[in-house]
Amino acid sequence: MPREMAKFIDWFNASNNQIPGVVRAAIAHLYFESIHPFGDGNGRIGRAISEKALSQELGRPVIFSLSTAIQLKKKEYYSELSISSHCDLEVTRWIKYFVNTVYQAQLVAKKKIQFIFDKTKFWNCYEHMLNERQEKVIARMFEAGESGFIGGINASKYMSIAKCSKATATRDLSELFGYGCLIKLPARGRSTRYVLTIHGPN
């Protein structure tokens, strides 16, 4: 094991600027995982090594997370890793998978960054128009992240978060809709539901 790790480190250092960064990152990840030197944490370390390789190519730290993209399709990751680590050094399939994963990681990062920008613009536009209850509920909706509240928010959820009566919740939601903060979802059941404007009526 120490000998294999020494060979891996020598290869990693010697390969810098010798092959495209994303290909080097892919091979480094597979190489390290094939050695599997630790009882636990090999995946995290392998992804950190890949991000190091990508950062060396860019000349700055990457602003995306491979782990986040991999977690979205974890079974596919383990399947591709298993197939490629038993293919007698044929790594083309793994490189194709890894390059696509890096691309997906960038899309996830772009979405998160856009959400932060949209959130800032939202507060700049509406914060002086909202009462304390409305601010609390909107903040809670933003905490749900880019996807927003699943199923939107209705008077019952509003009452639970803001600790208010149904009449107050209904009035506050109507005001938020009137301001343009919220969009009504298509009618479903007995309760009108809304989503934040930046999430759209998906």
N, C-alpha and C. Protein backbone atom coordinates (compact mmCIF):
# COMPACT_ATOMS: atom_id res chain seq x y z
N MET A 1 0.82 -1.21 0.00
CA MET A 1 0.00 0.00 0.00
C MET A 1 0.86 1.27 0.00
N PRO A 2 1.86 1.39 0.88
CA PRO A 2 2.71 2.59 0.83
C PRO A 2 3.40 2.77 -0.52
N ARG A 3 3.82 1.65 -1.12
CA ARG A 3 4.49 1.75 -2.42
C ARG A 3 3.52 2.26 -3.50
N GLU A 4 2.28 1.75 -3.48
CA GLU A 4 1.29 2.18 -4.47
C GLU A 4 0.93 3.65 -4.28
N MET A 5 0.83 4.09 -3.03
CA MET A 5 0.53 5.49 -2.78
C MET A 5 1.67 6.40 -3.21
N ALA A 6 2.89 5.93 -3.01
CA ALA A 6 4.06 6.72 -3.44
C ALA A 6 4.06 6.86 -4.96
N LYS A 7 3.70 5.78 -5.66
CA LYS A 7 3.63 5.82 -7.12
C LYS A 7 2.51 6.76 -7.58
N PHE A 8 1.41 6.72 -6.84
CA PHE A 8 0.29 7.60 -7.19
C PHE A 8 0.69 9.07 -7.02
N ILE A 9 1.31 9.39 -5.92
CA ILE A 9 1.73 10.78 -5.67
C ILE A 9 2.73 11.24 -6.71
N ASP A 10 3.68 10.36 -7.06
CA ASP A 10 4.66 10.71 -8.09
C ASP A 10 3.96 10.99 -9.42
N TRP A 11 2.98 10.12 -9.77
CA TRP A 11 2.25 10.33 -11.02
C TRP A 11 1.46 11.63 -10.97
N PHE A 12 0.78 11.90 -9.87
CA PHE A 12 -0.04 13.10 -9.75
C PHE A 12 0.82 14.35 -9.93
N ASN A 13 1.95 14.39 -9.29
CA ASN A 13 2.83 15.56 -9.39
C ASN A 13 3.42 15.70 -10.78
N ALA A 14 3.80 14.58 -11.39
CA ALA A 14 4.45 14.63 -12.71
C ALA A 14 3.45 14.93 -13.82
N SER A 15 2.18 14.61 -13.60
CA SER A 15 1.18 14.77 -14.67
C SER A 15 0.61 16.18 -14.76
N ASN A 16 0.92 17.04 -13.79
CA ASN A 16 0.40 18.40 -13.83
C ASN A 16 0.90 19.11 -15.08
N ASN A 17 -0.04 19.71 -15.82
CA ASN A 17 0.25 20.42 -17.07
C ASN A 17 0.63 19.49 -18.22
N GLN A 18 0.50 18.19 -18.01
CA GLN A 18 0.86 17.24 -19.06
C GLN A 18 -0.37 16.72 -19.81
N ILE A 19 -1.51 16.68 -19.14
CA ILE A 19 -2.76 16.24 -19.75
C ILE A 19 -3.86 17.22 -19.33
N PRO A 20 -4.94 17.30 -20.10
CA PRO A 20 -6.02 18.22 -19.73
C PRO A 20 -6.47 18.01 -18.29
N GLY A 21 -6.76 19.11 -17.62
CA GLY A 21 -7.07 19.06 -16.19
C GLY A 21 -8.22 18.15 -15.83
N VAL A 22 -9.29 18.18 -16.62
CA VAL A 22 -10.45 17.37 -16.27
C VAL A 22 -10.16 15.88 -16.47
N VAL A 23 -9.33 15.56 -17.47
CA VAL A 23 -8.94 14.16 -17.68
C VAL A 23 -8.01 13.71 -16.55
N ARG A 24 -7.09 14.56 -16.18
CA ARG A 24 -6.20 14.25 -15.06
C ARG A 24 -6.99 14.06 -13.77
N ALA A 25 -7.98 14.92 -13.55
CA ALA A 25 -8.82 14.81 -12.36
C ALA A 25 -9.58 13.49 -12.34
N ALA A 26 -10.08 13.09 -13.51
CA ALA A 26 -10.82 11.83 -13.62
C ALA A 26 -9.91 10.64 -13.32
N ILE A 27 -8.74 10.63 -13.94
CA ILE A 27 -7.80 9.52 -13.73
C ILE A 27 -7.32 9.49 -12.29
N ALA A 28 -7.03 10.66 -11.73
CA ALA A 28 -6.55 10.73 -10.35
C ALA A 28 -7.59 10.14 -9.40
N HIS A 29 -8.85 10.46 -9.63
CA HIS A 29 -9.91 9.95 -8.76
C HIS A 29 -9.99 8.43 -8.84
N LEU A 30 -10.02 7.90 -10.07
CA LEU A 30 -10.11 6.46 -10.25
C LEU A 30 -8.86 5.76 -9.71
N TYR A 31 -7.71 6.33 -9.95
CA TYR A 31 -6.43 5.78 -9.49
C TYR A 31 -6.44 5.66 -7.97
N PHE A 32 -6.80 6.75 -7.31
CA PHE A 32 -6.81 6.76 -5.83
C PHE A 32 -7.84 5.78 -5.29
N GLU A 33 -9.05 5.78 -5.87
CA GLU A 33 -10.09 4.89 -5.38
C GLU A 33 -9.73 3.43 -5.61
N SER A 34 -8.98 3.15 -6.66
CA SER A 34 -8.56 1.77 -6.93
C SER A 34 -7.55 1.29 -5.88
N ILE A 35 -6.72 2.20 -5.40
CA ILE A 35 -5.79 1.85 -4.31
C ILE A 35 -6.56 1.68 -3.01
N HIS A 36 -7.50 2.58 -2.77
CA HIS A 36 -8.38 2.53 -1.59
C HIS A 36 -7.55 2.36 -0.30
N PRO A 37 -6.72 3.33 0.00
CA PRO A 37 -5.75 3.16 1.09
C PRO A 37 -6.31 3.22 2.51
N PHE A 38 -7.51 3.80 2.68
CA PHE A 38 -8.02 3.99 4.03
C PHE A 38 -9.27 3.15 4.30
N GLY A 39 -9.52 2.91 5.56
CA GLY A 39 -10.70 2.16 5.95
C GLY A 39 -11.98 2.94 5.72
N ASP A 40 -11.89 4.27 5.76
CA ASP A 40 -13.06 5.14 5.58
C ASP A 40 -12.61 6.47 5.00
N GLY A 41 -13.48 7.12 4.26
CA GLY A 41 -13.19 8.46 3.76
C GLY A 41 -12.49 8.49 2.42
N ASN A 42 -12.33 7.36 1.75
CA ASN A 42 -11.63 7.35 0.46
C ASN A 42 -12.37 8.17 -0.59
N GLY A 43 -13.70 8.10 -0.58
CA GLY A 43 -14.47 8.86 -1.55
C GLY A 43 -14.29 10.35 -1.39
N ARG A 44 -14.36 10.82 -0.16
CA ARG A 44 -14.19 12.26 0.11
C ARG A 44 -12.80 12.73 -0.29
N ILE A 45 -11.79 11.92 0.06
CA ILE A 45 -10.42 12.30 -0.28
C ILE A 45 -10.22 12.25 -1.79
N GLY A 46 -10.80 11.24 -2.43
CA GLY A 46 -10.68 11.14 -3.88
C GLY A 46 -11.29 12.33 -4.60
N ARG A 47 -12.44 12.78 -4.11
CA ARG A 47 -13.07 13.95 -4.73
C ARG A 47 -12.26 15.22 -4.46
N ALA A 48 -11.65 15.29 -3.27
CA ALA A 48 -10.80 16.44 -2.96
C ALA A 48 -9.57 16.47 -3.87
N ILE A 49 -9.03 15.29 -4.16
CA ILE A 49 -7.88 15.21 -5.07
C ILE A 49 -8.28 15.67 -6.47
N SER A 50 -9.47 15.25 -6.90
CA SER A 50 -9.95 15.66 -8.23
C SER A 50 -10.14 17.18 -8.29
N GLU A 51 -10.71 17.75 -7.25
CA GLU A 51 -10.90 19.19 -7.23
C GLU A 51 -9.56 19.93 -7.18
N LYS A 52 -8.59 19.32 -6.52
CA LYS A 52 -7.23 19.90 -6.51
C LYS A 52 -6.67 19.93 -7.94
N ALA A 53 -6.85 18.82 -8.67
CA ALA A 53 -6.35 18.75 -10.04
C ALA A 53 -7.04 19.79 -10.93
N LEU A 54 -8.34 19.94 -10.76
CA LEU A 54 -9.08 20.93 -11.54
C LEU A 54 -8.65 22.35 -11.19
N SER A 55 -8.40 22.59 -9.91
CA SER A 55 -7.96 23.91 -9.46
C SER A 55 -6.58 24.24 -10.01
N GLN A 56 -5.71 23.23 -10.07
CA GLN A 56 -4.38 23.45 -10.64
C GLN A 56 -4.48 23.83 -12.11
N GLU A 57 -5.42 23.22 -12.82
CA GLU A 57 -5.62 23.54 -14.23
C GLU A 57 -6.11 24.98 -14.40
N LEU A 58 -7.02 25.40 -13.53
CA LEU A 58 -7.60 26.73 -13.63
C LEU A 58 -6.70 27.82 -13.06
N GLY A 59 -5.83 27.43 -12.14
CA GLY A 59 -4.99 28.41 -11.46
C GLY A 59 -5.71 29.11 -10.32
N ARG A 60 -6.82 28.56 -9.90
CA ARG A 60 -7.61 29.09 -8.79
C ARG A 60 -8.53 27.99 -8.29
N PRO A 61 -9.05 28.11 -7.07
CA PRO A 61 -9.96 27.07 -6.55
C PRO A 61 -11.23 26.99 -7.37
N VAL A 62 -11.71 25.78 -7.58
CA VAL A 62 -12.99 25.62 -8.28
C VAL A 62 -14.12 26.09 -7.35
N ILE A 63 -15.20 26.56 -7.94
CA ILE A 63 -16.30 27.10 -7.13
C ILE A 63 -17.51 26.16 -7.14
N PHE A 64 -17.26 24.90 -7.48
CA PHE A 64 -18.34 23.92 -7.46
C PHE A 64 -17.92 22.72 -6.63
N SER A 65 -18.88 21.89 -6.30
CA SER A 65 -18.63 20.71 -5.46
C SER A 65 -18.94 19.44 -6.23
N LEU A 66 -17.91 18.61 -6.44
CA LEU A 66 -18.14 17.31 -7.07
C LEU A 66 -19.03 16.44 -6.20
N SER A 67 -18.84 16.55 -4.89
CA SER A 67 -19.63 15.72 -3.97
C SER A 67 -21.12 15.98 -4.13
N THR A 68 -21.49 17.25 -4.30
CA THR A 68 -22.90 17.59 -4.45
C THR A 68 -23.48 16.95 -5.71
N ALA A 69 -22.74 17.03 -6.82
CA ALA A 69 -23.22 16.45 -8.07
C ALA A 69 -23.29 14.93 -7.97
N ILE A 70 -22.31 14.33 -7.33
CA ILE A 70 -22.28 12.87 -7.19
C ILE A 70 -23.43 12.39 -6.31
N GLN A 71 -23.73 13.12 -5.25
CA GLN A 71 -24.80 12.73 -4.34
C GLN A 71 -26.16 12.68 -5.04
N LEU A 72 -26.32 13.51 -6.08
CA LEU A 72 -27.59 13.54 -6.81
C LEU A 72 -27.84 12.22 -7.54
N LYS A 73 -26.76 11.53 -7.93
CA LYS A 73 -26.87 10.24 -8.61
C LYS A 73 -25.82 9.29 -8.04
N LYS A 74 -25.96 9.03 -6.77
CA LYS A 74 -24.96 8.25 -6.04
C LYS A 74 -24.81 6.83 -6.57
N LYS A 75 -25.91 6.17 -6.92
CA LYS A 75 -25.85 4.80 -7.42
C LYS A 75 -25.08 4.72 -8.73
N GLU A 76 -25.29 5.72 -9.59
CA GLU A 76 -24.58 5.76 -10.87
C GLU A 76 -23.08 5.90 -10.63
N TYR A 77 -22.70 6.73 -9.66
CA TYR A 77 -21.29 6.95 -9.34
C TYR A 77 -20.63 5.64 -8.93
N TYR A 78 -21.24 4.92 -8.00
CA TYR A 78 -20.65 3.67 -7.52
C TYR A 78 -20.63 2.61 -8.61
N SER A 79 -21.64 2.62 -9.47
CA SER A 79 -21.67 1.67 -10.58
C SER A 79 -20.53 1.94 -11.55
N GLU A 80 -20.36 3.19 -11.96
CA GLU A 80 -19.29 3.54 -12.89
C GLU A 80 -17.91 3.30 -12.28
N LEU A 81 -17.78 3.59 -11.01
CA LEU A 81 -16.51 3.38 -10.32
C LEU A 81 -16.17 1.89 -10.28
N SER A 82 -17.16 1.07 -9.98
CA SER A 82 -16.94 -0.37 -9.92
C SER A 82 -16.58 -0.94 -11.29
N ILE A 83 -17.30 -0.51 -12.32
CA ILE A 83 -17.02 -1.01 -13.67
C ILE A 83 -15.62 -0.61 -14.12
N SER A 84 -15.27 0.65 -13.91
CA SER A 84 -14.00 1.16 -14.43
C SER A 84 -12.79 0.70 -13.64
N SER A 85 -12.98 0.36 -12.38
CA SER A 85 -11.84 -0.10 -11.58
C SER A 85 -11.52 -1.57 -11.84
N HIS A 86 -12.32 -2.23 -12.69
CA HIS A 86 -12.07 -3.63 -13.03
C HIS A 86 -12.01 -3.82 -14.54
N CYS A 87 -11.44 -2.82 -15.24
CA CYS A 87 -11.45 -2.86 -16.71
C CYS A 87 -10.05 -2.89 -17.31
N ASP A 88 -9.09 -3.39 -16.59
CA ASP A 88 -7.73 -3.54 -17.15
C ASP A 88 -7.22 -2.25 -17.78
N LEU A 89 -7.34 -1.18 -17.02
CA LEU A 89 -6.79 0.12 -17.40
C LEU A 89 -7.55 0.81 -18.54
N GLU A 90 -8.68 0.28 -18.96
CA GLU A 90 -9.50 0.97 -19.95
C GLU A 90 -10.38 1.98 -19.20
N VAL A 91 -10.02 3.26 -19.33
CA VAL A 91 -10.67 4.28 -18.51
C VAL A 91 -11.52 5.25 -19.32
N THR A 92 -11.72 4.98 -20.60
CA THR A 92 -12.48 5.91 -21.44
C THR A 92 -13.89 6.13 -20.91
N ARG A 93 -14.55 5.04 -20.54
CA ARG A 93 -15.92 5.16 -20.03
C ARG A 93 -15.95 6.01 -18.77
N TRP A 94 -14.98 5.79 -17.88
CA TRP A 94 -14.93 6.55 -16.63
C TRP A 94 -14.69 8.03 -16.91
N ILE A 95 -13.79 8.33 -17.82
CA ILE A 95 -13.49 9.73 -18.13
C ILE A 95 -14.74 10.43 -18.68
N LYS A 96 -15.48 9.75 -19.55
CA LYS A 96 -16.72 10.34 -20.09
C LYS A 96 -17.71 10.62 -18.96
N TYR A 97 -17.85 9.63 -18.06
CA TYR A 97 -18.76 9.82 -16.92
C TYR A 97 -18.30 10.98 -16.05
N PHE A 98 -17.01 11.03 -15.77
CA PHE A 98 -16.48 12.05 -14.86
C PHE A 98 -16.60 13.45 -15.46
N VAL A 99 -16.31 13.58 -16.75
CA VAL A 99 -16.43 14.89 -17.41
C VAL A 99 -17.87 15.38 -17.32
N ASN A 100 -18.83 14.50 -17.53
CA ASN A 100 -20.23 14.89 -17.42
C ASN A 100 -20.59 15.28 -15.99
N THR A 101 -20.00 14.57 -15.01
CA THR A 101 -20.25 14.90 -13.61
C THR A 101 -19.71 16.29 -13.27
N VAL A 102 -18.54 16.62 -13.79
CA VAL A 102 -17.98 17.95 -13.58
C VAL A 102 -18.90 19.01 -14.18
N TYR A 103 -19.43 18.72 -15.37
CA TYR A 103 -20.36 19.65 -16.01
C TYR A 103 -21.61 19.82 -15.16
N GLN A 104 -22.16 18.73 -14.65
CA GLN A 104 -23.34 18.80 -13.80
C GLN A 104 -23.05 19.59 -12.53
N ALA A 105 -21.86 19.41 -11.97
CA ALA A 105 -21.47 20.15 -10.76
C ALA A 105 -21.44 21.65 -11.03
N GLN A 106 -21.00 22.03 -12.23
CA GLN A 106 -20.99 23.44 -12.59
C GLN A 106 -22.41 23.99 -12.72
N LEU A 107 -23.31 23.19 -13.28
CA LEU A 107 -24.70 23.62 -13.41
C LEU A 107 -25.35 23.81 -12.04
N VAL A 108 -25.05 22.90 -11.10
CA VAL A 108 -25.58 23.01 -9.74
C VAL A 108 -25.05 24.29 -9.09
N ALA A 109 -23.74 24.54 -9.25
CA ALA A 109 -23.14 25.74 -8.67
C ALA A 109 -23.74 27.00 -9.28
N LYS A 110 -23.94 26.98 -10.60
CA LYS A 110 -24.53 28.13 -11.27
C LYS A 110 -25.93 28.42 -10.73
N LYS A 111 -26.70 27.35 -10.50
CA LYS A 111 -28.06 27.51 -9.98
C LYS A 111 -28.04 28.11 -8.58
N LYS A 112 -27.10 27.65 -7.75
CA LYS A 112 -27.00 28.17 -6.39
C LYS A 112 -26.61 29.65 -6.39
N ILE A 113 -25.65 29.99 -7.25
CA ILE A 113 -25.21 31.38 -7.33
C ILE A 113 -26.34 32.28 -7.82
N GLN A 114 -27.07 31.80 -8.84
CA GLN A 114 -28.20 32.57 -9.35
C GLN A 114 -29.25 32.77 -8.27
N PHE A 115 -29.47 31.73 -7.46
CA PHE A 115 -30.44 31.82 -6.37
C PHE A 115 -30.04 32.90 -5.37
N ILE A 116 -28.75 32.97 -5.06
CA ILE A 116 -28.26 33.99 -4.13
C ILE A 116 -28.49 35.39 -4.69
N PHE A 117 -28.19 35.55 -5.99
CA PHE A 117 -28.43 36.85 -6.64
C PHE A 117 -29.92 37.20 -6.61
N ASP A 118 -30.76 36.22 -6.96
CA ASP A 118 -32.21 36.46 -7.00
C ASP A 118 -32.75 36.78 -5.60
N LYS A 119 -32.24 36.10 -4.61
CA LYS A 119 -32.66 36.34 -3.23
C LYS A 119 -32.31 37.76 -2.80
N THR A 120 -31.11 38.20 -3.14
CA THR A 120 -30.67 39.56 -2.79
C THR A 120 -31.55 40.60 -3.49
N LYS A 121 -31.82 40.38 -4.78
CA LYS A 121 -32.67 41.30 -5.53
C LYS A 121 -34.08 41.34 -4.95
N PHE A 122 -34.58 40.19 -4.54
CA PHE A 122 -35.92 40.10 -3.96
C PHE A 122 -36.02 40.96 -2.71
N TRP A 123 -35.06 40.78 -1.78
CA TRP A 123 -35.10 41.56 -0.54
C TRP A 123 -34.92 43.04 -0.79
N ASN A 124 -34.05 43.38 -1.73
CA ASN A 124 -33.87 44.80 -2.06
C ASN A 124 -35.15 45.43 -2.57
N CYS A 125 -35.94 44.64 -3.26
CA CYS A 125 -37.18 45.15 -3.86
C CYS A 125 -38.32 45.22 -2.86
N TYR A 126 -38.42 44.21 -1.99
CA TYR A 126 -39.63 44.08 -1.18
C TYR A 126 -39.48 44.28 0.34
N GLU A 127 -38.26 44.28 0.85
CA GLU A 127 -38.11 44.24 2.31
C GLU A 127 -38.79 45.41 3.03
N HIS A 128 -38.87 46.57 2.42
CA HIS A 128 -39.47 47.72 3.10
C HIS A 128 -41.01 47.72 2.99
N MET A 129 -41.55 46.74 2.25
CA MET A 129 -42.98 46.67 2.07
C MET A 129 -43.64 45.64 3.00
N LEU A 130 -42.82 44.81 3.63
CA LEU A 130 -43.35 43.67 4.37
C LEU A 130 -43.44 43.92 5.87
N ASN A 131 -44.45 43.32 6.47
CA ASN A 131 -44.53 43.39 7.93
C ASN A 131 -43.66 42.28 8.53
N GLU A 132 -43.56 42.25 9.84
CA GLU A 132 -42.68 41.30 10.51
C GLU A 132 -43.06 39.85 10.23
N ARG A 133 -44.35 39.58 10.21
CA ARG A 133 -44.81 38.22 9.94
C ARG A 133 -44.42 37.80 8.52
N GLN A 134 -44.65 38.68 7.59
CA GLN A 134 -44.35 38.37 6.19
C GLN A 134 -42.85 38.14 5.98
N GLU A 135 -42.04 38.97 6.61
CA GLU A 135 -40.59 38.79 6.52
C GLU A 135 -40.17 37.43 7.06
N LYS A 136 -40.77 37.04 8.18
CA LYS A 136 -40.43 35.76 8.79
C LYS A 136 -40.78 34.59 7.88
N VAL A 137 -41.96 34.65 7.28
CA VAL A 137 -42.40 33.56 6.40
C VAL A 137 -41.57 33.51 5.13
N ILE A 138 -41.32 34.66 4.53
CA ILE A 138 -40.50 34.70 3.31
C ILE A 138 -39.10 34.16 3.59
N ALA A 139 -38.53 34.57 4.73
CA ALA A 139 -37.19 34.08 5.10
C ALA A 139 -37.19 32.56 5.23
N ARG A 140 -38.27 32.03 5.83
CA ARG A 140 -38.38 30.58 5.99
C ARG A 140 -38.51 29.89 4.63
N MET A 141 -39.20 30.51 3.70
CA MET A 141 -39.33 29.94 2.36
C MET A 141 -37.98 29.93 1.65
N PHE A 142 -37.20 30.99 1.84
CA PHE A 142 -35.88 31.03 1.22
C PHE A 142 -34.95 29.97 1.81
N GLU A 143 -35.15 29.63 3.08
CA GLU A 143 -34.33 28.60 3.70
C GLU A 143 -34.48 27.26 3.01
N ALA A 144 -35.61 27.07 2.32
CA ALA A 144 -35.84 25.80 1.62
C ALA A 144 -34.93 25.66 0.40
N GLY A 145 -34.24 26.74 0.03
CA GLY A 145 -33.30 26.67 -1.07
C GLY A 145 -33.92 26.94 -2.42
N GLU A 146 -33.16 26.54 -3.47
CA GLU A 146 -33.58 26.87 -4.83
C GLU A 146 -34.92 26.25 -5.21
N SER A 147 -35.24 25.10 -4.64
CA SER A 147 -36.48 24.43 -5.01
C SER A 147 -37.71 25.04 -4.35
N GLY A 148 -37.51 25.81 -3.29
CA GLY A 148 -38.63 26.42 -2.59
C GLY A 148 -39.42 25.41 -1.79
N PHE A 149 -40.51 25.86 -1.20
CA PHE A 149 -41.39 24.96 -0.44
C PHE A 149 -42.02 23.94 -1.40
N ILE A 150 -41.93 22.68 -1.07
CA ILE A 150 -42.59 21.67 -1.88
C ILE A 150 -44.10 21.84 -1.74
N GLY A 151 -44.76 22.03 -2.88
CA GLY A 151 -46.21 22.24 -2.84
C GLY A 151 -46.62 23.66 -2.55
N GLY A 152 -45.63 24.56 -2.36
CA GLY A 152 -45.95 25.95 -2.08
C GLY A 152 -46.39 26.18 -0.64
N ILE A 153 -46.80 27.41 -0.36
CA ILE A 153 -47.26 27.76 0.99
C ILE A 153 -48.75 28.10 0.94
N ASN A 154 -49.47 27.71 1.96
CA ASN A 154 -50.88 28.05 2.07
C ASN A 154 -51.13 28.72 3.41
N ALA A 155 -52.39 29.02 3.70
CA ALA A 155 -52.71 29.72 4.95
C ALA A 155 -52.31 28.90 6.18
N SER A 156 -52.48 27.58 6.10
CA SER A 156 -52.14 26.74 7.25
C SER A 156 -50.66 26.78 7.56
N LYS A 157 -49.81 26.66 6.52
CA LYS A 157 -48.37 26.75 6.74
C LYS A 157 -47.98 28.13 7.25
N TYR A 158 -48.62 29.13 6.67
CA TYR A 158 -48.34 30.50 7.08
C TYR A 158 -48.66 30.68 8.56
N MET A 159 -49.81 30.18 8.99
CA MET A 159 -50.22 30.28 10.39
C MET A 159 -49.19 29.60 11.31
N SER A 160 -48.70 28.45 10.88
CA SER A 160 -47.74 27.69 11.68
C SER A 160 -46.42 28.44 11.85
N ILE A 161 -45.95 29.07 10.78
CA ILE A 161 -44.66 29.78 10.82
C ILE A 161 -44.80 31.12 11.53
N ALA A 162 -45.83 31.88 11.18
CA ALA A 162 -46.00 33.23 11.71
C ALA A 162 -46.71 33.28 13.05
N LYS A 163 -47.28 32.16 13.47
CA LYS A 163 -48.04 32.10 14.73
C LYS A 163 -49.15 33.15 14.74
N CYS A 164 -50.03 33.05 13.75
CA CYS A 164 -51.12 34.03 13.62
C CYS A 164 -52.42 33.31 13.30
N SER A 165 -53.50 34.05 13.26
CA SER A 165 -54.81 33.49 12.95
C SER A 165 -54.93 33.22 11.46
N LYS A 166 -55.95 32.45 11.10
CA LYS A 166 -56.16 32.16 9.68
C LYS A 166 -56.52 33.43 8.92
N ALA A 167 -57.32 34.30 9.53
CA ALA A 167 -57.70 35.54 8.86
C ALA A 167 -56.47 36.39 8.55
N THR A 168 -55.56 36.47 9.53
CA THR A 168 -54.33 37.25 9.33
C THR A 168 -53.46 36.61 8.26
N ALA A 169 -53.35 35.29 8.29
CA ALA A 169 -52.55 34.58 7.30
C ALA A 169 -53.08 34.81 5.90
N THR A 170 -54.39 34.71 5.76
CA THR A 170 -55.02 34.91 4.46
C THR A 170 -54.79 36.33 3.95
N ARG A 171 -54.92 37.31 4.85
CA ARG A 171 -54.71 38.70 4.47
C ARG A 171 -53.24 38.95 4.08
N ASP A 172 -52.32 38.43 4.88
CA ASP A 172 -50.90 38.62 4.58
C ASP A 172 -50.53 37.98 3.24
N LEU A 173 -51.04 36.80 2.97
CA LEU A 173 -50.74 36.12 1.71
C LEU A 173 -51.32 36.89 0.53
N SER A 174 -52.50 37.43 0.70
CA SER A 174 -53.12 38.24 -0.36
C SER A 174 -52.28 39.48 -0.65
N GLU A 175 -51.76 40.09 0.42
CA GLU A 175 -50.90 41.27 0.24
C GLU A 175 -49.62 40.89 -0.51
N LEU A 176 -49.01 39.79 -0.11
CA LEU A 176 -47.78 39.34 -0.76
C LEU A 176 -48.02 39.04 -2.24
N PHE A 177 -49.16 38.46 -2.52
CA PHE A 177 -49.53 38.20 -3.91
C PHE A 177 -49.72 39.52 -4.66
N GLY A 178 -50.36 40.46 -4.02
CA GLY A 178 -50.59 41.76 -4.64
C GLY A 178 -49.30 42.53 -4.89
N TYR A 179 -48.33 42.38 -3.98
CA TYR A 179 -47.03 43.04 -4.17
C TYR A 179 -46.24 42.43 -5.33
N GLY A 180 -46.57 41.20 -5.66
CA GLY A 180 -45.79 40.50 -6.68
C GLY A 180 -44.75 39.57 -6.09
N CYS A 181 -44.76 39.39 -4.78
CA CYS A 181 -43.80 38.50 -4.12
C CYS A 181 -44.11 37.04 -4.38
N LEU A 182 -45.39 36.73 -4.52
CA LEU A 182 -45.84 35.35 -4.65
C LEU A 182 -46.60 35.14 -5.95
N ILE A 183 -46.58 33.90 -6.41
CA ILE A 183 -47.36 33.47 -7.57
C ILE A 183 -48.31 32.39 -7.09
N LYS A 184 -49.56 32.45 -7.56
CA LYS A 184 -50.52 31.42 -7.20
C LYS A 184 -50.26 30.15 -8.00
N LEU A 185 -50.27 29.02 -7.30
CA LEU A 185 -50.20 27.74 -7.98
C LEU A 185 -51.58 27.39 -8.52
N PRO A 186 -51.65 26.53 -9.53
CA PRO A 186 -52.96 26.08 -10.02
C PRO A 186 -53.79 25.54 -8.87
N ALA A 187 -55.08 25.76 -8.91
CA ALA A 187 -55.97 25.36 -7.81
C ALA A 187 -55.81 23.88 -7.49
N ARG A 188 -55.69 23.59 -6.20
CA ARG A 188 -55.59 22.21 -5.76
C ARG A 188 -56.21 22.10 -4.37
N GLY A 189 -57.20 21.27 -4.24
CA GLY A 189 -57.83 21.10 -2.94
C GLY A 189 -58.61 22.34 -2.52
N ARG A 190 -58.72 22.52 -1.22
CA ARG A 190 -59.52 23.61 -0.65
C ARG A 190 -58.68 24.82 -0.28
N SER A 191 -57.37 24.75 -0.48
CA SER A 191 -56.51 25.83 -0.03
C SER A 191 -55.69 26.41 -1.17
N THR A 192 -55.71 27.72 -1.31
CA THR A 192 -54.88 28.39 -2.31
C THR A 192 -53.41 28.32 -1.87
N ARG A 193 -52.56 27.95 -2.80
CA ARG A 193 -51.13 27.83 -2.50
C ARG A 193 -50.32 28.78 -3.36
N TYR A 194 -49.19 29.20 -2.81
CA TYR A 194 -48.33 30.17 -3.48
C TYR A 194 -46.87 29.71 -3.45
N VAL A 195 -46.09 30.22 -4.40
CA VAL A 195 -44.64 30.05 -4.38
C VAL A 195 -44.01 31.43 -4.55
N LEU A 196 -42.76 31.55 -4.14
CA LEU A 196 -42.05 32.81 -4.33
C LEU A 196 -41.91 33.13 -5.81
N THR A 197 -41.93 34.37 -6.16
CA THR A 197 -41.85 34.79 -7.54
C THR A 197 -40.63 34.20 -8.25
N ILE A 198 -39.49 34.14 -7.57
CA ILE A 198 -38.26 33.68 -8.24
C ILE A 198 -38.29 32.18 -8.51
N HIS A 199 -39.19 31.44 -7.85
CA HIS A 199 -39.28 30.01 -8.10
C HIS A 199 -40.20 29.67 -9.26
N GLY A 200 -41.13 30.58 -9.58
CA GLY A 200 -42.07 30.32 -10.66
C GLY A 200 -43.11 29.28 -10.27
N PRO A 201 -44.11 29.09 -11.11
CA PRO A 201 -45.22 28.19 -10.80
C PRO A 201 -44.95 26.75 -11.17
N ASN A 202 -43.71 26.22 -10.97
CA ASN A 202 -43.42 24.84 -11.35
C ASN A 202 -44.04 23.87 -10.35
